[in-house]
C-alpha atoms as a PDB file:
ATOM      1  CA  MET A   1      89.124 227.370  59.539  1.00  0.00           C
ATOM      2  CA  TYR A   2      86.021 225.241  59.402  1.00  0.00           C
ATOM      3  CA  LEU A   3      87.591 222.954  56.822  1.00  0.00           C
ATOM      4  CA  VAL A   4      89.863 221.314  59.405  1.00  0.00           C
ATOM      5  CA  ILE A   5      86.818 220.511  61.544  1.00  0.00           C
ATOM      6  CA  TRP A   6      85.061 218.734  58.695  1.00  0.00           C
ATOM      7  CA  VAL A   7      88.180 216.936  57.488  1.00  0.00           C
ATOM      8  CA  ALA A   8      88.846 215.644  61.021  1.00  0.00           C
ATOM      9  CA  PHE A   9      85.196 214.651  61.418  1.00  0.00           C
ATOM     10  CA  PHE A  10      85.154 212.724  58.152  1.00  0.00           C
ATOM     11  CA  GLN A  11      88.488 211.146  59.078  1.00  0.00           C
ATOM     12  CA  ILE A  12      86.888 209.727  62.224  1.00  0.00           C
ATOM     13  CA  ILE A  13      83.810 208.530  60.307  1.00  0.00           C
ATOM     14  CA  PHE A  14      86.036 206.977  57.626  1.00  0.00           C
ATOM     15  CA  VAL A  15      88.053 205.023  60.178  1.00  0.00           C
ATOM     16  CA  LEU A  16      84.954 203.808  61.995  1.00  0.00           C
ATOM     17  CA  PHE A  17      82.993 202.770  58.911  1.00  0.00           C
ATOM     18  CA  SER A  18      85.606 202.251  56.204  1.00  0.00           C
ATOM     19  CA  PRO A  19      84.649 199.770  53.505  1.00  0.00           C
ATOM     20  CA  LEU A  20      88.343 199.383  52.673  1.00  0.00           C
ATOM     21  CA  SER A  21      90.572 196.669  54.039  1.00  0.00           C
ATOM     22  CA  ASP A  22      93.045 197.569  56.768  1.00  0.00           C
ATOM     23  CA  LEU A  23      95.788 197.444  54.173  1.00  0.00           C
ATOM     24  CA  LEU A  24      94.133 200.238  52.150  1.00  0.00           C
ATOM     25  CA  ASN A  25      92.703 202.076  55.144  1.00  0.00           C
ATOM     26  CA  LEU A  26      96.098 203.064  56.570  1.00  0.00           C
ATOM     27  CA  PRO A  27      97.435 204.977  53.529  1.00  0.00           C
ATOM     28  CA  VAL A  28      94.172 206.926  53.193  1.00  0.00           C
ATOM     29  CA  HIS A  29      94.280 207.686  56.920  1.00  0.00           C
ATOM     30  CA  VAL A  30      97.882 208.914  56.645  1.00  0.00           C
ATOM     31  CA  VAL A  31      97.116 211.171  53.671  1.00  0.00           C
ATOM     32  CA  VAL A  32      94.144 212.759  55.431  1.00  0.00           C
ATOM     33  CA  ALA A  33      96.237 213.158  58.594  1.00  0.00           C
ATOM     34  CA  ILE A  34      98.874 215.039  56.592  1.00  0.00           C
ATOM     35  CA  VAL A  35      96.114 217.280  55.211  1.00  0.00           C
ATOM     36  CA  ILE A  36      94.964 218.007  58.776  1.00  0.00           C
ATOM     37  CA  LEU A  37      98.545 218.797  59.812  1.00  0.00           C
ATOM     38  CA  GLY A  38      98.896 221.173  56.891  1.00  0.00           C
ATOM     39  CA  LEU A  39      95.577 222.870  57.577  1.00  0.00           C
ATOM     40  CA  THR A  40      96.222 223.357  61.287  1.00  0.00           C
ATOM     41  CA  PHE A  41      99.695 224.752  60.634  1.00  0.00           C
ATOM     42  CA  THR A  42      98.412 227.114  57.923  1.00  0.00           C
ATOM     43  CA  ILE A  43      95.603 228.327  60.177  1.00  0.00           C
ATOM     44  CA  TYR A  44      98.020 228.849  63.075  1.00  0.00           C
ATOM     45  CA  ARG A  45     100.463 230.760  60.875  1.00  0.00           C
ATOM     46  CA  ASN A  46      97.786 232.914  59.243  1.00  0.00           C
ATOM     47  CA  ILE A  47      95.991 233.754  62.482  1.00  0.00           C
ATOM     48  CA  SER A  48      99.235 234.644  64.245  1.00  0.00           C
ATOM     49  CA  ARG A  49      99.764 237.355  61.608  1.00  0.00           C
ATOM     50  CA  THR A  50      96.462 239.080  62.358  1.00  0.00           C
ATOM     51  CA  SER A  51      95.571 241.547  65.081  1.00  0.00           C
ATOM     52  CA  CYS A  52      92.951 239.230  66.566  1.00  0.00           C
ATOM     53  CA  PRO A  53      92.937 238.630  70.329  1.00  0.00           C
ATOM     54  CA  ASP A  54      95.792 236.569  71.740  1.00  0.00           C
ATOM     55  CA  ARG A  55      93.398 233.930  73.056  1.00  0.00           C
ATOM     56  CA  ILE A  56      92.408 232.999  69.491  1.00  0.00           C
ATOM     57  CA  LYS A  57      96.077 232.822  68.539  1.00  0.00           C
ATOM     58  CA  ARG A  58      96.763 230.514  71.497  1.00  0.00           C
ATOM     59  CA  ILE A  59      93.858 228.238  70.574  1.00  0.00           C
ATOM     60  CA  THR A  60      95.071 227.874  66.977  1.00  0.00           C
ATOM     61  CA  LYS A  61      98.592 227.195  68.260  1.00  0.00           C
ATOM     62  CA  THR A  62      97.233 224.516  70.581  1.00  0.00           C
ATOM     63  CA  THR A  63      95.268 222.981  67.718  1.00  0.00           C
ATOM     64  CA  TRP A  64      98.487 222.760  65.679  1.00  0.00           C
ATOM     65  CA  TYR A  65     100.277 221.134  68.631  1.00  0.00           C
ATOM     66  CA  LEU A  66      97.414 218.661  69.054  1.00  0.00           C
ATOM     67  CA  ALA A  67      97.676 217.758  65.369  1.00  0.00           C
ATOM     68  CA  VAL A  68     101.413 217.101  65.748  1.00  0.00           C
ATOM     69  CA  PHE A  69     100.750 215.020  68.862  1.00  0.00           C
ATOM     70  CA  GLN A  70      98.060 213.162  66.910  1.00  0.00           C
ATOM     71  CA  GLY A  71     100.647 212.236  64.295  1.00  0.00           C
ATOM     72  CA  VAL A  72     102.985 210.945  66.983  1.00  0.00           C
ATOM     73  CA  LEU A  73     100.158 208.919  68.523  1.00  0.00           C
ATOM     74  CA  GLY A  74      99.326 207.525  65.084  1.00  0.00           C
ATOM     75  CA  ILE A  75     102.911 206.386  64.529  1.00  0.00           C
ATOM     76  CA  VAL A  76     103.069 204.857  68.010  1.00  0.00           C
ATOM     77  CA  LEU A  77      99.753 203.099  67.396  1.00  0.00           C
ATOM     78  CA  ALA A  78     100.831 201.772  63.988  1.00  0.00           C
ATOM     79  CA  LEU A  79     104.081 200.475  65.451  1.00  0.00           C
ATOM     80  CA  GLY A  80     102.188 198.796  68.280  1.00  0.00           C
ATOM     81  CA  VAL A  81      99.911 197.037  65.806  1.00  0.00           C
ATOM     82  CA  VAL A  82     102.709 196.013  63.427  1.00  0.00           C
ATOM     83  CA  LEU A  83     104.941 194.768  66.243  1.00  0.00           C
ATOM     84  CA  SER A  84     102.029 193.043  68.026  1.00  0.00           C
ATOM     85  CA  VAL A  85     102.950 194.725  71.304  1.00  0.00           C
ATOM     86  CA  GLY A  86      99.720 193.779  73.039  1.00  0.00           C
ATOM     87  CA  SER A  87      96.052 194.525  73.036  1.00  0.00           C
ATOM     88  CA  ALA A  88      96.118 196.640  76.219  1.00  0.00           C
ATOM     89  CA  TYR A  89      98.827 198.889  74.758  1.00  0.00           C
ATOM     90  CA  VAL A  90      96.957 199.246  71.454  1.00  0.00           C
ATOM     91  CA  GLU A  91      93.673 199.978  73.263  1.00  0.00           C
ATOM     92  CA  VAL A  92      95.200 202.705  75.446  1.00  0.00           C
ATOM     93  CA  VAL A  93      96.933 204.396  72.517  1.00  0.00           C
ATOM     94  CA  SER A  94      93.745 204.067  70.431  1.00  0.00           C
ATOM     95  CA  ILE A  95      91.703 205.786  73.132  1.00  0.00           C
ATOM     96  CA  LEU A  96      94.278 208.585  73.326  1.00  0.00           C
ATOM     97  CA  HIS A  97      94.288 208.865  69.530  1.00  0.00           C
ATOM     98  CA  VAL A  98      90.471 209.136  69.320  1.00  0.00           C
ATOM     99  CA  GLY A  99      90.306 211.530  72.283  1.00  0.00           C
ATOM    100  CA  ASN A 100      92.952 213.736  70.718  1.00  0.00           C
ATOM    101  CA  ALA A 101      91.043 213.746  67.406  1.00  0.00           C
ATOM    102  CA  LEU A 102      87.970 214.989  69.251  1.00  0.00           C
ATOM    103  CA  ALA A 103      90.104 217.616  71.008  1.00  0.00           C
ATOM    104  CA  ILE A 104      91.330 218.851  67.614  1.00  0.00           C
ATOM    105  CA  ILE A 105      87.737 219.251  66.436  1.00  0.00           C
ATOM    106  CA  THR A 106      86.802 221.036  69.669  1.00  0.00           C
ATOM    107  CA  GLN A 107      89.754 223.438  69.573  1.00  0.00           C
ATOM    108  CA  ALA A 108      89.295 224.168  65.865  1.00  0.00           C
ATOM    109  CA  SER A 109      85.600 224.869  66.423  1.00  0.00           C
ATOM    110  CA  SER A 110      86.372 227.188  69.300  1.00  0.00           C
ATOM    111  CA  SER A 111      88.965 229.186  67.392  1.00  0.00           C
ATOM    112  CA  ALA A 112      86.818 229.373  64.238  1.00  0.00           C
ATOM    113  CA  THR A 113      83.826 230.707  66.157  1.00  0.00           C
ATOM    114  CA  ALA A 114      85.924 233.161  68.169  1.00  0.00           C
ATOM    115  CA  TYR A 115      87.700 234.405  65.059  1.00  0.00           C
ATOM    116  CA  ASP A 116      84.385 234.903  63.257  1.00  0.00           C
ATOM    117  CA  MET A 117      83.047 236.847  66.238  1.00  0.00           C
ATOM    118  CA  TRP A 118      86.170 239.019  66.312  1.00  0.00           C
ATOM    119  CA  GLU A 119      86.038 239.575  62.568  1.00  0.00           C
ATOM    120  CA  GLU A 120      82.380 240.627  62.763  1.00  0.00           C
ATOM    121  CA  LYS A 121      83.287 242.956  65.667  1.00  0.00           C
ATOM    122  CA  GLU A 122      81.010 241.118  68.076  1.00  0.00           C
ATOM    123  CA  PHE A 123      83.641 241.521  70.804  1.00  0.00           C
ATOM    124  CA  GLU A 124      83.235 245.289  70.944  1.00  0.00           C
ATOM    125  CA  VAL A 125      81.615 246.627  74.088  1.00  0.00           C
ATOM    126  CA  PRO A 126      79.233 249.584  73.687  1.00  0.00           C
ATOM    127  CA  LEU A 127      80.643 252.853  75.033  1.00  0.00           C
ATOM    128  CA  SER A 128      77.469 253.796  76.887  1.00  0.00           C
ATOM    129  CA  PRO A 129      75.107 251.496  78.733  1.00  0.00           C
ATOM    130  CA  SER A 130      72.063 250.422  76.788  1.00  0.00           C
ATOM    131  CA  PRO A 131      68.738 252.042  77.767  1.00  0.00           C
ATOM    132  CA  SER A 132      67.407 248.722  79.050  1.00  0.00           C
ATOM    133  CA  LEU A 133      70.120 248.591  81.730  1.00  0.00           C
ATOM    134  CA  GLN A 134      69.317 252.000  83.236  1.00  0.00           C
END
């Protein structure tokens, strides 16, 4: 689950500081985006088959949906750039695209931590109150 967080993080860093030309940057960006789509879908599918709490399942589902939306935003952004629609349009879609990328990282982090806590049985409540509470 943590892999999607790091792939998305490095995707953002790559786009911000890429030494490649824009012509080479786009294909690399698309390939990494497809990897993120695959990872988020696989995580969603695998988690939905477990007995973990429904909240974790909903978070992984939302992360998958955000990844799909990210792909749509990427296509819309690429079309806006290629068709020279206008700088305001490109800026707005770019902001949405970056914000959504950060949302993917946030959601993936949340579900990974929650799943780890569930797996380690940290969600269990003690049957009797601890001596310090009496």
